[in-house]
Amino acid sequence: MKNIKFALLGLSIGLAACQSNHKTDESTADSLADTTSAPVQTTDERFLVVAGHSVGEIALGEDMEQVGKKLGRPNAGDAAMGKAWGIWYSDDSTAKHRNEIAVYSSYRDTSMRIKDVKQIRITSNKFKTQEGLSTGSTLEQTKQKFPAIEKLSAYLNEDKDTITVYDAKKDGIGFEFLKGKSISLTVHPVNIPVNATYLTLHPEWKLIE
């Protein structure tokens, strides 16, 4: 059932690719390098990342009940004091660290009746900004698209690798980098730093700077 829901939403990672909006071009660009010779591509909306707004069909401010109807029950997560992370894994991933979409939520207001989406984090390179930026991009490529990006902090993960966190706060999008390549994109409200809720997702990571 979960696979069906993922496919319908475009969140079943690895089952679709970006499509061109130019009918005269029969080829599809699969990487940032292809854009040098191919026409400008239009990212499939099911996989479109919009800084400060949405990832695919999940949007900031959306009622978590609606998110649950789209994605089903999360595979993992954590909740406390009215705040929560829900994590959905890709069933077709065989890597040690499976591709995932993680949604951070909290109560919308003091009535404490509705929880809505505050952050959306993805690790699959199927999700791209309109310009084609995705996980796997270098820091230099990311800076070209988001010049206001700034380094926030660095962590040691469970494998003792250094993860560096960058954020384009005014745009509403943050990034994690490992060995020179981005490993996640996190969409958040503009002017609210991505690490305002960061440690709740990775409590096992050790802050080193």
C-alpha atoms as a PDB file:
ATOM      1  CA  MET A   1       0.000   0.000   0.000  1.00  0.00           C
ATOM      2  CA  LYS A   2       2.820   2.424   0.877  1.00  0.00           C
ATOM      3  CA  ASN A   3       4.518   1.824  -2.490  1.00  0.00           C
ATOM      4  CA  ILE A   4       1.275   2.677  -4.289  1.00  0.00           C
ATOM      5  CA  LYS A   5       0.896   5.919  -2.387  1.00  0.00           C
ATOM      6  CA  PHE A   6       4.520   6.853  -3.043  1.00  0.00           C
ATOM      7  CA  ALA A   7       4.069   6.227  -6.760  1.00  0.00           C
ATOM      8  CA  LEU A   8       0.908   8.299  -6.949  1.00  0.00           C
ATOM      9  CA  LEU A   9       2.642  11.226  -5.292  1.00  0.00           C
ATOM     10  CA  GLY A  10       5.890  10.924  -7.128  1.00  0.00           C
ATOM     11  CA  LEU A  11       7.558  10.027  -3.860  1.00  0.00           C
ATOM     12  CA  SER A  12       8.455   6.452  -4.789  1.00  0.00           C
ATOM     13  CA  ILE A  13      12.085   7.264  -5.306  1.00  0.00           C
ATOM     14  CA  GLY A  14      13.705   5.878  -8.410  1.00  0.00           C
ATOM     15  CA  LEU A  15      10.543   5.114 -10.423  1.00  0.00           C
ATOM     16  CA  ALA A  16      10.429   8.296 -12.498  1.00  0.00           C
ATOM     17  CA  ALA A  17      12.677  10.946 -14.021  1.00  0.00           C
ATOM     18  CA  CYS A  18      12.447  14.610 -14.896  1.00  0.00           C
ATOM     19  CA  GLN A  19      10.635  15.327 -18.188  1.00  0.00           C
ATOM     20  CA  SER A  20      11.387  18.003 -20.774  1.00  0.00           C
ATOM     21  CA  ASN A  21       8.818  20.640 -21.668  1.00  0.00           C
ATOM     22  CA  HIS A  22      10.285  20.955 -25.180  1.00  0.00           C
ATOM     23  CA  LYS A  23       8.463  18.606 -27.554  1.00  0.00           C
ATOM     24  CA  THR A  24      11.205  18.888 -30.152  1.00  0.00           C
ATOM     25  CA  ASP A  25      13.794  17.446 -27.771  1.00  0.00           C
ATOM     26  CA  GLU A  26      13.256  13.707 -27.298  1.00  0.00           C
ATOM     27  CA  SER A  27      16.054  13.232 -24.769  1.00  0.00           C
ATOM     28  CA  THR A  28      15.801  13.737 -21.015  1.00  0.00           C
ATOM     29  CA  ALA A  29      18.524  15.420 -18.974  1.00  0.00           C
ATOM     30  CA  ASP A  30      19.653  13.180 -16.090  1.00  0.00           C
ATOM     31  CA  SER A  31      22.350  15.379 -14.592  1.00  0.00           C
ATOM     32  CA  LEU A  32      23.473  18.947 -14.169  1.00  0.00           C
ATOM     33  CA  ALA A  33      26.146  18.400 -16.832  1.00  0.00           C
ATOM     34  CA  ASP A  34      23.541  17.659 -19.503  1.00  0.00           C
ATOM     35  CA  THR A  35      22.153  21.195 -19.272  1.00  0.00           C
ATOM     36  CA  THR A  36      25.130  22.524 -21.233  1.00  0.00           C
ATOM     37  CA  SER A  37      23.876  20.974 -24.458  1.00  0.00           C
ATOM     38  CA  ALA A  38      20.173  20.359 -23.834  1.00  0.00           C
ATOM     39  CA  PRO A  39      17.314  22.880 -23.732  1.00  0.00           C
ATOM     40  CA  VAL A  40      16.203  24.225 -20.383  1.00  0.00           C
ATOM     41  CA  GLN A  41      14.351  21.464 -18.558  1.00  0.00           C
ATOM     42  CA  THR A  42      11.136  21.682 -16.619  1.00  0.00           C
ATOM     43  CA  THR A  43      11.323  19.522 -13.488  1.00  0.00           C
ATOM     44  CA  ASP A  44       8.461  17.074 -13.011  1.00  0.00           C
ATOM     45  CA  GLU A  45       6.278  18.698 -10.340  1.00  0.00           C
ATOM     46  CA  ARG A  46       6.117  15.415  -8.430  1.00  0.00           C
ATOM     47  CA  PHE A  47       9.849  15.844  -7.775  1.00  0.00           C
ATOM     48  CA  LEU A  48      10.100  19.631  -7.725  1.00  0.00           C
ATOM     49  CA  VAL A  49      11.858  21.320  -4.793  1.00  0.00           C
ATOM     50  CA  VAL A  50      10.729  24.898  -4.172  1.00  0.00           C
ATOM     51  CA  ALA A  51      12.857  26.684  -1.585  1.00  0.00           C
ATOM     52  CA  GLY A  52      10.777  28.125   1.250  1.00  0.00           C
ATOM     53  CA  HIS A  53       7.670  26.333   0.015  1.00  0.00           C
ATOM     54  CA  SER A  54       7.533  22.626  -0.847  1.00  0.00           C
ATOM     55  CA  VAL A  55       9.063  19.289  -1.826  1.00  0.00           C
ATOM     56  CA  GLY A  56       6.981  17.424  -4.388  1.00  0.00           C
ATOM     57  CA  GLU A  57       3.374  17.498  -3.210  1.00  0.00           C
ATOM     58  CA  ILE A  58       4.222  18.162   0.438  1.00  0.00           C
ATOM     59  CA  ALA A  59       4.176  21.861   1.376  1.00  0.00           C
ATOM     60  CA  LEU A  60       5.192  23.894   4.387  1.00  0.00           C
ATOM     61  CA  GLY A  61       2.172  24.736   6.521  1.00  0.00           C
ATOM     62  CA  GLU A  62       0.243  21.674   5.338  1.00  0.00           C
ATOM     63  CA  ASP A  63      -1.913  19.825   7.876  1.00  0.00           C
ATOM     64  CA  MET A  64      -0.102  16.644   8.956  1.00  0.00           C
ATOM     65  CA  GLU A  65      -3.341  14.686   8.622  1.00  0.00           C
ATOM     66  CA  GLN A  66      -3.216  15.416   4.885  1.00  0.00           C
ATOM     67  CA  VAL A  67       0.444  14.402   4.764  1.00  0.00           C
ATOM     68  CA  GLY A  68      -0.474  11.104   6.416  1.00  0.00           C
ATOM     69  CA  LYS A  69      -3.148  10.467   3.795  1.00  0.00           C
ATOM     70  CA  LYS A  70      -0.580  11.000   1.045  1.00  0.00           C
ATOM     71  CA  LEU A  71       2.348   9.075   2.500  1.00  0.00           C
ATOM     72  CA  GLY A  72       0.770   6.597   4.876  1.00  0.00           C
ATOM     73  CA  ARG A  73       2.290   5.827   8.259  1.00  0.00           C
ATOM     74  CA  PRO A  74       5.952   6.820   8.647  1.00  0.00           C
ATOM     75  CA  ASN A  75       8.611   4.135   8.898  1.00  0.00           C
ATOM     76  CA  ALA A  76      10.355   5.931  11.740  1.00  0.00           C
ATOM     77  CA  GLY A  77      10.270   9.140  13.729  1.00  0.00           C
ATOM     78  CA  ASP A  78      10.425  10.868  17.055  1.00  0.00           C
ATOM     79  CA  ALA A  79       7.938  13.002  18.945  1.00  0.00           C
ATOM     80  CA  ALA A  80       7.984  15.068  22.119  1.00  0.00           C
ATOM     81  CA  MET A  81       6.291  18.191  23.489  1.00  0.00           C
ATOM     82  CA  GLY A  82       4.011  18.585  20.490  1.00  0.00           C
ATOM     83  CA  LYS A  83       6.880  18.412  17.968  1.00  0.00           C
ATOM     84  CA  ALA A  84       7.726  15.470  15.743  1.00  0.00           C
ATOM     85  CA  TRP A  85       9.799  14.089  12.884  1.00  0.00           C
ATOM     86  CA  GLY A  86       8.146  11.546  10.591  1.00  0.00           C
ATOM     87  CA  ILE A  87      10.475   9.605   8.283  1.00  0.00           C
ATOM     88  CA  TRP A  88       9.468   7.609   5.204  1.00  0.00           C
ATOM     89  CA  TYR A  89      12.079   5.344   3.578  1.00  0.00           C
ATOM     90  CA  SER A  90      12.295   4.298  -0.045  1.00  0.00           C
ATOM     91  CA  ASP A  91      11.501   0.591  -0.262  1.00  0.00           C
ATOM     92  CA  ASP A  92      13.623   0.106  -3.395  1.00  0.00           C
ATOM     93  CA  SER A  93      16.827   1.497  -1.891  1.00  0.00           C
ATOM     94  CA  THR A  94      19.600  -1.002  -1.123  1.00  0.00           C
ATOM     95  CA  ALA A  95      22.275   1.400   0.113  1.00  0.00           C
ATOM     96  CA  LYS A  96      23.399   1.415   3.734  1.00  0.00           C
ATOM     97  CA  HIS A  97      21.624   4.737   4.219  1.00  0.00           C
ATOM     98  CA  ARG A  98      18.265   4.463   2.503  1.00  0.00           C
ATOM     99  CA  ASN A  99      16.766   7.376   0.631  1.00  0.00           C
ATOM    100  CA  GLU A 100      14.170   9.115   2.724  1.00  0.00           C
ATOM    101  CA  ILE A 101      11.776  11.980   3.082  1.00  0.00           C
ATOM    102  CA  ALA A 102      11.521  13.415   6.594  1.00  0.00           C
ATOM    103  CA  VAL A 103       8.862  15.865   7.716  1.00  0.00           C
ATOM    104  CA  TYR A 104       9.148  18.004  10.836  1.00  0.00           C
ATOM    105  CA  SER A 105       5.891  19.231  12.354  1.00  0.00           C
ATOM    106  CA  SER A 106       4.556  21.066  15.383  1.00  0.00           C
ATOM    107  CA  TYR A 107       1.294  22.611  16.524  1.00  0.00           C
ATOM    108  CA  ARG A 108       0.072  25.368  14.245  1.00  0.00           C
ATOM    109  CA  ASP A 109      -1.145  27.595  17.097  1.00  0.00           C
ATOM    110  CA  THR A 110      -1.944  27.679  20.801  1.00  0.00           C
ATOM    111  CA  SER A 111      -5.170  25.723  20.300  1.00  0.00           C
ATOM    112  CA  MET A 112      -2.930  22.651  19.863  1.00  0.00           C
ATOM    113  CA  ARG A 113      -5.406  20.938  17.577  1.00  0.00           C
ATOM    114  CA  ILE A 114      -3.583  20.917  14.249  1.00  0.00           C
ATOM    115  CA  LYS A 115       0.020  20.017  13.539  1.00  0.00           C
ATOM    116  CA  ASP A 116       1.461  21.393  10.340  1.00  0.00           C
ATOM    117  CA  VAL A 117       4.647  20.975   8.316  1.00  0.00           C
ATOM    118  CA  LYS A 118       7.612  23.095   9.401  1.00  0.00           C
ATOM    119  CA  GLN A 119      10.482  21.442   7.483  1.00  0.00           C
ATOM    120  CA  ILE A 120      10.855  18.846   4.718  1.00  0.00           C
ATOM    121  CA  ARG A 121      14.144  16.986   4.221  1.00  0.00           C
ATOM    122  CA  ILE A 122      14.936  14.705   1.277  1.00  0.00           C
ATOM    123  CA  THR A 123      17.992  12.639   0.344  1.00  0.00           C
ATOM    124  CA  SER A 124      17.112  11.340  -3.140  1.00  0.00           C
ATOM    125  CA  ASN A 125      18.609  13.004  -6.217  1.00  0.00           C
ATOM    126  CA  LYS A 126      15.299  12.488  -8.023  1.00  0.00           C
ATOM    127  CA  PHE A 127      14.086  15.656  -6.299  1.00  0.00           C
ATOM    128  CA  LYS A 128      15.388  18.830  -7.941  1.00  0.00           C
ATOM    129  CA  THR A 129      14.930  22.567  -7.923  1.00  0.00           C
ATOM    130  CA  GLN A 130      13.636  24.158 -11.128  1.00  0.00           C
ATOM    131  CA  GLU A 131      17.265  24.842 -12.080  1.00  0.00           C
ATOM    132  CA  GLY A 132      18.191  21.170 -11.664  1.00  0.00           C
ATOM    133  CA  LEU A 133      19.960  21.352  -8.314  1.00  0.00           C
ATOM    134  CA  SER A 134      19.708  18.146  -6.269  1.00  0.00           C
ATOM    135  CA  THR A 135      21.610  15.982  -3.826  1.00  0.00           C
ATOM    136  CA  GLY A 136      24.949  14.999  -5.288  1.00  0.00           C
ATOM    137  CA  SER A 137      25.675  18.592  -6.296  1.00  0.00           C
ATOM    138  CA  THR A 138      28.931  20.185  -5.197  1.00  0.00           C
ATOM    139  CA  LEU A 139      29.161  23.158  -2.868  1.00  0.00           C
ATOM    140  CA  GLU A 140      30.256  25.352  -5.777  1.00  0.00           C
ATOM    141  CA  GLN A 141      27.218  24.326  -7.849  1.00  0.00           C
ATOM    142  CA  THR A 142      24.981  25.039  -4.879  1.00  0.00           C
ATOM    143  CA  LYS A 143      26.508  28.474  -4.349  1.00  0.00           C
ATOM    144  CA  GLN A 144      25.803  29.337  -7.985  1.00  0.00           C
ATOM    145  CA  LYS A 145      22.089  28.721  -7.416  1.00  0.00           C
ATOM    146  CA  PHE A 146      21.934  30.120  -3.866  1.00  0.00           C
ATOM    147  CA  PRO A 147      24.654  32.816  -3.495  1.00  0.00           C
ATOM    148  CA  ALA A 148      23.506  33.706   0.032  1.00  0.00           C
ATOM    149  CA  ILE A 149      24.307  30.231   1.362  1.00  0.00           C
ATOM    150  CA  GLU A 150      26.313  30.211   4.622  1.00  0.00           C
ATOM    151  CA  LYS A 151      28.011  27.523   6.666  1.00  0.00           C
ATOM    152  CA  LEU A 152      26.248  26.905   9.969  1.00  0.00           C
ATOM    153  CA  SER A 153      27.987  23.994  11.653  1.00  0.00           C
ATOM    154  CA  ALA A 154      29.730  20.637  11.288  1.00  0.00           C
ATOM    155  CA  TYR A 155      28.976  17.275  12.886  1.00  0.00           C
ATOM    156  CA  LEU A 156      30.482  13.823  13.182  1.00  0.00           C
ATOM    157  CA  ASN A 157      27.913  11.232  12.191  1.00  0.00           C
ATOM    158  CA  GLU A 158      27.591   7.661  13.414  1.00  0.00           C
ATOM    159  CA  ASP A 159      30.314   6.579  10.951  1.00  0.00           C
ATOM    160  CA  LYS A 160      32.685   9.321  12.177  1.00  0.00           C
ATOM    161  CA  ASP A 161      32.330  11.182   8.881  1.00  0.00           C
ATOM    162  CA  THR A 162      32.156  14.977   8.929  1.00  0.00           C
ATOM    163  CA  ILE A 163      28.810  16.407   7.839  1.00  0.00           C
ATOM    164  CA  THR A 164      28.814  20.133   7.091  1.00  0.00           C
ATOM    165  CA  VAL A 165      25.543  22.043   7.279  1.00  0.00           C
ATOM    166  CA  TYR A 166      24.910  25.060   5.056  1.00  0.00           C
ATOM    167  CA  ASP A 167      21.810  27.222   4.858  1.00  0.00           C
ATOM    168  CA  ALA A 168      20.374  29.796   2.487  1.00  0.00           C
ATOM    169  CA  LYS A 169      18.168  31.193   5.236  1.00  0.00           C
ATOM    170  CA  LYS A 170      16.574  33.983   3.231  1.00  0.00           C
ATOM    171  CA  ASP A 171      15.648  31.522   0.475  1.00  0.00           C
ATOM    172  CA  GLY A 172      14.338  28.845   2.824  1.00  0.00           C
ATOM    173  CA  ILE A 173      16.587  25.910   1.937  1.00  0.00           C
ATOM    174  CA  GLY A 174      19.407  24.107   3.755  1.00  0.00           C
ATOM    175  CA  PHE A 175      21.972  21.507   2.725  1.00  0.00           C
ATOM    176  CA  GLU A 176      24.167  18.806   4.251  1.00  0.00           C
ATOM    177  CA  PHE A 177      27.519  18.062   2.607  1.00  0.00           C
ATOM    178  CA  LEU A 178      29.662  14.949   2.922  1.00  0.00           C
ATOM    179  CA  LYS A 179      33.022  14.650   1.126  1.00  0.00           C
ATOM    180  CA  GLY A 180      32.240  17.615  -1.080  1.00  0.00           C
ATOM    181  CA  LYS A 181      28.783  16.492  -2.246  1.00  0.00           C
ATOM    182  CA  SER A 182      25.365  17.365  -0.869  1.00  0.00           C
ATOM    183  CA  ILE A 183      23.554  14.448   0.776  1.00  0.00           C
ATOM    184  CA  SER A 184      20.291  16.188   1.651  1.00  0.00           C
ATOM    185  CA  LEU A 185      18.128  19.214   0.910  1.00  0.00           C
ATOM    186  CA  THR A 186      15.859  20.684   3.592  1.00  0.00           C
ATOM    187  CA  VAL A 187      13.090  23.125   2.743  1.00  0.00           C
ATOM    188  CA  HIS A 188      12.105  25.436   5.599  1.00  0.00           C
ATOM    189  CA  PRO A 189      10.320  28.785   6.092  1.00  0.00           C
ATOM    190  CA  VAL A 190      12.296  31.775   4.881  1.00  0.00           C
ATOM    191  CA  ASN A 191      14.367  33.611   7.492  1.00  0.00           C
ATOM    192  CA  ILE A 192      14.158  30.703   9.944  1.00  0.00           C
ATOM    193  CA  PRO A 193      17.505  28.819  10.033  1.00  0.00           C
ATOM    194  CA  VAL A 194      17.472  25.160   9.115  1.00  0.00           C
ATOM    195  CA  ASN A 195      19.244  24.153  12.338  1.00  0.00           C
ATOM    196  CA  ALA A 196      16.500  25.636  14.509  1.00  0.00           C
ATOM    197  CA  THR A 197      15.168  22.054  14.706  1.00  0.00           C
ATOM    198  CA  TYR A 198      18.165  20.167  13.390  1.00  0.00           C
ATOM    199  CA  LEU A 199      19.387  18.223  16.413  1.00  0.00           C
ATOM    200  CA  THR A 200      15.976  16.670  16.940  1.00  0.00           C
ATOM    201  CA  LEU A 201      16.510  14.731  13.710  1.00  0.00           C
ATOM    202  CA  HIS A 202      20.130  13.703  14.405  1.00  0.00           C
ATOM    203  CA  PRO A 203      20.573  13.502  18.178  1.00  0.00           C
ATOM    204  CA  GLU A 204      23.364  10.933  17.678  1.00  0.00           C
ATOM    205  CA  TRP A 205      25.522  13.384  15.703  1.00  0.00           C
ATOM    206  CA  LYS A 206      28.315  15.130  17.569  1.00  0.00           C
ATOM    207  CA  LEU A 207      28.722  18.870  17.071  1.00  0.00           C
ATOM    208  CA  ILE A 208      32.358  19.701  16.291  1.00  0.00           C
ATOM    209  CA  GLU A 209      32.102  23.343  15.150  1.00  0.00           C
END
